[in-house]
Amino acid sequence: MTSPKEKFETKKLPMMPIRDVVIFPYMMTPFVVGRESSVCAPSRRP
C-alpha cells in the first residue's frame, strides 16, 4: 500500500522556448511573442 507521501500527480504545462533571457523562479518578466505558431502553442493540446 502506498502512503500519502508516495503519491505524485503528473501535469502537462505549456512551454515556450525563449532566446537571450534567463528567468529565475518567482521572477516576472514580460517578453514579446511574434510568431503565430508561438502564440498558438499554449492553447494546443498534445
N, C-alpha and C. Protein backbone atom coordinates (compact mmCIF):
# COMPACT_ATOMS: atom_id res chain seq x y z
N MET A 1 0.85 -1.18 0.00
CA MET A 1 0.00 0.00 0.00
C MET A 1 0.89 1.24 0.00
N THR A 2 0.50 2.26 -0.72
CA THR A 2 1.30 3.48 -0.79
C THR A 2 0.85 4.48 0.26
N SER A 3 1.80 5.20 0.78
CA SER A 3 1.49 6.24 1.76
C SER A 3 1.19 7.53 1.02
N PRO A 4 0.56 8.51 1.68
CA PRO A 4 0.25 9.79 1.01
C PRO A 4 1.48 10.50 0.44
N LYS A 5 2.65 10.29 1.05
CA LYS A 5 3.87 10.94 0.58
C LYS A 5 4.33 10.36 -0.76
N GLU A 6 3.94 9.13 -1.07
CA GLU A 6 4.40 8.47 -2.28
C GLU A 6 3.51 8.73 -3.48
N LYS A 7 2.40 9.41 -3.31
CA LYS A 7 1.50 9.71 -4.42
C LYS A 7 1.96 10.97 -5.13
N PHE A 8 2.09 10.87 -6.44
CA PHE A 8 2.51 12.02 -7.24
C PHE A 8 1.48 12.26 -8.32
N GLU A 9 1.30 13.51 -8.67
CA GLU A 9 0.37 13.88 -9.73
C GLU A 9 1.17 14.45 -10.89
N THR A 10 0.89 13.97 -12.08
CA THR A 10 1.58 14.44 -13.28
C THR A 10 0.70 15.47 -13.98
N LYS A 11 1.30 16.63 -14.29
CA LYS A 11 0.59 17.68 -15.01
C LYS A 11 1.36 18.03 -16.27
N LYS A 12 0.65 18.33 -17.33
CA LYS A 12 1.27 18.80 -18.57
C LYS A 12 1.03 20.30 -18.66
N LEU A 13 2.11 21.06 -18.72
CA LEU A 13 2.03 22.51 -18.79
C LEU A 13 2.61 22.99 -20.11
N PRO A 14 2.05 24.05 -20.68
CA PRO A 14 2.62 24.57 -21.93
C PRO A 14 3.99 25.20 -21.69
N MET A 15 4.87 25.02 -22.65
CA MET A 15 6.21 25.61 -22.56
C MET A 15 6.51 26.35 -23.84
N MET A 16 7.30 27.39 -23.73
CA MET A 16 7.67 28.17 -24.90
C MET A 16 9.16 28.49 -24.82
N PRO A 17 9.94 28.08 -25.83
CA PRO A 17 11.36 28.41 -25.81
C PRO A 17 11.56 29.91 -26.04
N ILE A 18 12.48 30.49 -25.31
CA ILE A 18 12.79 31.92 -25.49
C ILE A 18 14.30 32.06 -25.62
N ARG A 19 14.72 33.11 -26.29
CA ARG A 19 16.15 33.36 -26.53
C ARG A 19 16.64 34.54 -25.72
N ASP A 20 17.89 34.47 -25.32
CA ASP A 20 18.60 35.57 -24.68
C ASP A 20 17.93 36.09 -23.42
N VAL A 21 17.22 35.23 -22.71
CA VAL A 21 16.58 35.62 -21.45
C VAL A 21 16.79 34.50 -20.43
N VAL A 22 17.19 34.86 -19.24
CA VAL A 22 17.30 33.89 -18.15
C VAL A 22 16.21 34.23 -17.15
N ILE A 23 15.35 33.28 -16.89
CA ILE A 23 14.24 33.50 -15.95
C ILE A 23 14.45 32.61 -14.74
N PHE A 24 14.41 33.21 -13.58
CA PHE A 24 14.58 32.50 -12.33
C PHE A 24 13.21 32.28 -11.68
N PRO A 25 13.10 31.33 -10.77
CA PRO A 25 11.82 31.10 -10.09
C PRO A 25 11.29 32.38 -9.43
N TYR A 26 9.99 32.56 -9.52
CA TYR A 26 9.27 33.71 -8.94
C TYR A 26 9.62 35.04 -9.59
N MET A 27 10.24 35.01 -10.75
CA MET A 27 10.62 36.23 -11.45
C MET A 27 9.56 36.52 -12.51
N MET A 28 9.09 37.73 -12.57
CA MET A 28 8.10 38.12 -13.57
C MET A 28 8.79 38.96 -14.63
N THR A 29 8.76 38.46 -15.86
CA THR A 29 9.45 39.13 -16.97
C THR A 29 8.54 39.15 -18.19
N PRO A 30 8.23 40.32 -18.70
CA PRO A 30 7.45 40.36 -19.95
C PRO A 30 8.35 40.00 -21.12
N PHE A 31 7.78 39.32 -22.11
CA PHE A 31 8.51 39.05 -23.34
C PHE A 31 7.53 39.09 -24.50
N VAL A 32 8.03 39.47 -25.65
CA VAL A 32 7.19 39.65 -26.84
C VAL A 32 7.20 38.36 -27.66
N VAL A 33 6.01 37.92 -28.03
CA VAL A 33 5.87 36.73 -28.87
C VAL A 33 5.37 37.20 -30.23
N GLY A 34 6.15 36.92 -31.26
CA GLY A 34 5.80 37.44 -32.58
C GLY A 34 5.31 36.40 -33.56
N ARG A 35 5.81 35.16 -33.46
CA ARG A 35 5.42 34.14 -34.42
C ARG A 35 4.05 33.58 -34.07
N GLU A 36 3.22 33.39 -35.10
CA GLU A 36 1.86 32.88 -34.88
C GLU A 36 1.88 31.50 -34.24
N SER A 37 2.83 30.66 -34.64
CA SER A 37 2.91 29.32 -34.06
C SER A 37 3.23 29.37 -32.57
N SER A 38 4.02 30.36 -32.16
CA SER A 38 4.34 30.52 -30.74
C SER A 38 3.16 31.06 -29.95
N VAL A 39 2.38 31.94 -30.58
CA VAL A 39 1.21 32.50 -29.91
C VAL A 39 0.17 31.40 -29.67
N CYS A 40 0.02 30.48 -30.62
CA CYS A 40 -0.97 29.41 -30.52
C CYS A 40 -0.49 28.23 -29.68
N ALA A 41 0.78 28.12 -29.40
CA ALA A 41 1.34 26.96 -28.73
C ALA A 41 0.69 26.66 -27.37
N PRO A 42 0.48 27.62 -26.48
CA PRO A 42 -0.10 27.28 -25.18
C PRO A 42 -1.53 26.73 -25.27
N SER A 43 -2.27 27.05 -26.31
CA SER A 43 -3.65 26.58 -26.40
C SER A 43 -3.77 25.22 -27.09
N ARG A 44 -2.70 24.74 -27.71
CA ARG A 44 -2.73 23.43 -28.38
C ARG A 44 -2.59 22.31 -27.36
N ARG A 45 -3.27 21.23 -27.62
CA ARG A 45 -3.19 20.04 -26.76
C ARG A 45 -2.37 18.98 -27.48
N PRO A 46 -1.53 18.24 -26.76
CA PRO A 46 -0.72 17.18 -27.40
C PRO A 46 -1.58 16.02 -27.85
